[in-house]
Amino acid sequence: VQLQASGGGKVQTGGSLSLSCAASGRTFSSYTMAWFRQAPGKEREFVAGIERRFGDTYYADSVKGRFTISRDNAKNTVYLQMNNLKPEDTAVYYCAAGQIWGRRSISDYDYWGQGTQVTVSS
């Protein structure tokens, strides 16, 4: 599966952004989908994940209550709604597809999008 992330941009503290990740291929609904992010000089970290059929979600503690992951299997798209953004949310955001729900490690995901930049100014 090929993934294409979009929707990044610049926003002030407290603002909102919505990211999208469009997938090619017919097997999108068979994958757990997730968002990761990588800030300058830091390792890539898990942000949020969503189960393939019933949409169960899980989040990093740092974004819980502010970010919402969702998916539309008919459109082969996963979304990340980000509210109440903080400067520490500044990073390149990546979508990823994996086989097993609940995993948070980079190595658990098989396919990656190209990343989209999110910048939050104070």
Protein backbone atom coordinates (compact mmCIF):
# COMPACT_ATOMS: atom_id res chain seq x y z
CA VAL A 1 0.00 0.00 0.00
CA GLN A 2 1.20 3.53 -0.78
CA LEU A 3 0.45 6.38 1.61
CA GLN A 4 0.23 10.11 0.92
CA ALA A 5 -0.02 12.51 3.85
CA SER A 6 -1.29 16.06 3.56
CA GLY A 7 -2.73 18.92 5.59
CA GLY A 8 0.26 20.21 7.49
CA GLY A 9 0.97 23.88 7.97
CA LYS A 10 1.70 26.65 10.44
CA VAL A 11 -0.58 27.58 13.31
CA GLN A 12 -0.37 29.51 16.55
CA THR A 13 -0.54 27.94 19.99
CA GLY A 14 -4.08 26.81 20.73
CA GLY A 15 -4.97 26.45 17.08
CA SER A 16 -6.12 23.40 15.14
CA LEU A 17 -5.03 21.45 12.09
CA SER A 18 -6.39 18.41 10.33
CA LEU A 19 -4.12 15.91 8.61
CA SER A 20 -5.17 13.38 6.01
CA CYS A 21 -3.46 10.29 4.69
CA ALA A 22 -4.74 8.75 1.48
CA ALA A 23 -3.89 5.14 0.71
CA SER A 24 -3.73 3.43 -2.62
CA GLY A 25 -4.73 -0.17 -3.17
CA ARG A 26 -7.69 -2.29 -2.17
CA THR A 27 -6.35 -3.56 1.13
CA PHE A 28 -6.55 -0.37 3.21
CA SER A 29 -9.25 -1.80 5.45
CA SER A 30 -7.02 -4.71 6.42
CA TYR A 31 -4.44 -2.47 8.12
CA THR A 32 -4.15 -0.83 11.46
CA MET A 33 -3.30 2.78 10.72
CA ALA A 34 -1.24 5.15 12.83
CA TRP A 35 0.32 8.57 12.96
CA PHE A 36 3.88 9.17 14.13
CA ARG A 37 5.86 12.38 14.37
CA GLN A 38 9.48 13.40 14.38
CA ALA A 39 10.72 16.68 15.78
CA PRO A 40 14.14 18.09 14.82
CA GLY A 41 16.91 16.22 16.60
CA LYS A 42 14.52 13.69 18.11
CA GLU A 43 13.47 10.16 17.35
CA ARG A 44 10.25 9.38 15.57
CA GLU A 45 7.49 8.76 18.10
CA PHE A 46 4.03 7.24 18.09
CA VAL A 47 1.08 9.65 18.20
CA ALA A 48 -2.16 7.74 17.57
CA GLY A 49 -3.47 4.49 16.10
CA ILE A 50 -6.78 3.10 14.88
CA GLU A 51 -7.98 -0.45 14.43
CA ARG A 52 -8.86 -1.61 10.94
CA ARG A 53 -12.54 -2.60 11.22
CA PHE A 54 -14.22 -1.20 14.32
CA GLY A 55 -12.14 1.92 14.70
CA ASP A 56 -10.83 1.36 18.21
CA THR A 57 -8.23 4.03 18.92
CA TYR A 58 -5.19 4.51 21.13
CA TYR A 59 -3.05 7.57 21.78
CA ALA A 60 0.22 8.75 23.19
CA ASP A 61 -0.31 10.39 26.57
CA SER A 62 1.08 13.66 25.24
CA VAL A 63 -1.80 14.10 22.78
CA LYS A 64 -4.66 12.35 24.55
CA GLY A 65 -7.69 14.63 24.76
CA ARG A 66 -6.35 16.99 22.08
CA PHE A 67 -5.89 14.78 19.01
CA THR A 68 -8.43 12.50 17.37
CA ILE A 69 -7.63 9.79 14.84
CA SER A 70 -10.32 8.48 12.52
CA ARG A 71 -10.60 6.58 9.27
CA ASP A 72 -12.93 6.16 6.34
CA ASN A 73 -12.37 2.78 4.75
CA ALA A 74 -14.63 3.66 1.81
CA LYS A 75 -12.28 6.54 0.98
CA ASN A 76 -9.06 4.72 1.91
CA THR A 77 -8.18 7.63 4.18
CA VAL A 78 -7.06 8.12 7.76
CA TYR A 79 -7.30 11.47 9.52
CA LEU A 80 -5.73 13.21 12.47
CA GLN A 81 -7.63 16.13 13.96
CA MET A 82 -5.30 18.17 16.15
CA ASN A 83 -6.76 20.71 18.56
CA ASN A 84 -5.22 22.95 21.20
CA LEU A 85 -1.85 22.67 19.52
CA LYS A 86 1.31 23.44 21.47
CA PRO A 87 4.81 24.39 20.29
CA GLU A 88 6.02 20.94 21.36
CA ASP A 89 3.70 19.44 18.74
CA THR A 90 5.94 20.91 16.02
CA ALA A 91 7.23 18.01 13.94
CA VAL A 92 6.98 16.18 10.67
CA TYR A 93 3.94 13.92 10.89
CA TYR A 94 3.92 10.52 9.19
CA CYS A 95 1.11 8.08 8.58
CA ALA A 96 1.85 4.38 8.71
CA ALA A 97 0.13 1.05 8.07
CA GLY A 98 0.68 -2.09 10.11
CA GLN A 99 -0.78 -5.49 10.80
CA ILE A 100 -1.38 -5.49 14.54
CA TRP A 101 -3.55 -3.13 16.57
CA GLY A 102 -2.10 -1.49 19.64
CA ARG A 103 1.51 -1.38 18.56
CA ARG A 104 3.53 1.79 19.08
CA SER A 105 6.94 0.89 17.72
CA ILE A 106 8.24 2.03 14.35
CA SER A 107 9.27 -1.53 13.56
CA ASP A 108 5.65 -2.71 13.85
CA TYR A 109 4.58 -0.70 10.80
CA ASP A 110 5.25 -1.85 7.27
CA TYR A 111 4.32 1.12 5.11
CA TRP A 112 4.98 4.82 5.54
CA GLY A 113 3.86 8.06 3.97
CA GLN A 114 6.27 10.83 3.08
CA GLY A 115 5.47 13.12 6.01
CA THR A 116 3.87 16.53 6.36
CA GLN A 117 5.26 19.43 8.39
CA VAL A 118 3.31 20.88 11.32
CA THR A 119 4.68 24.03 12.93
CA VAL A 120 3.15 25.57 16.04
CA SER A 121 4.35 29.01 17.03
CA SER A 122 4.10 30.48 20.51
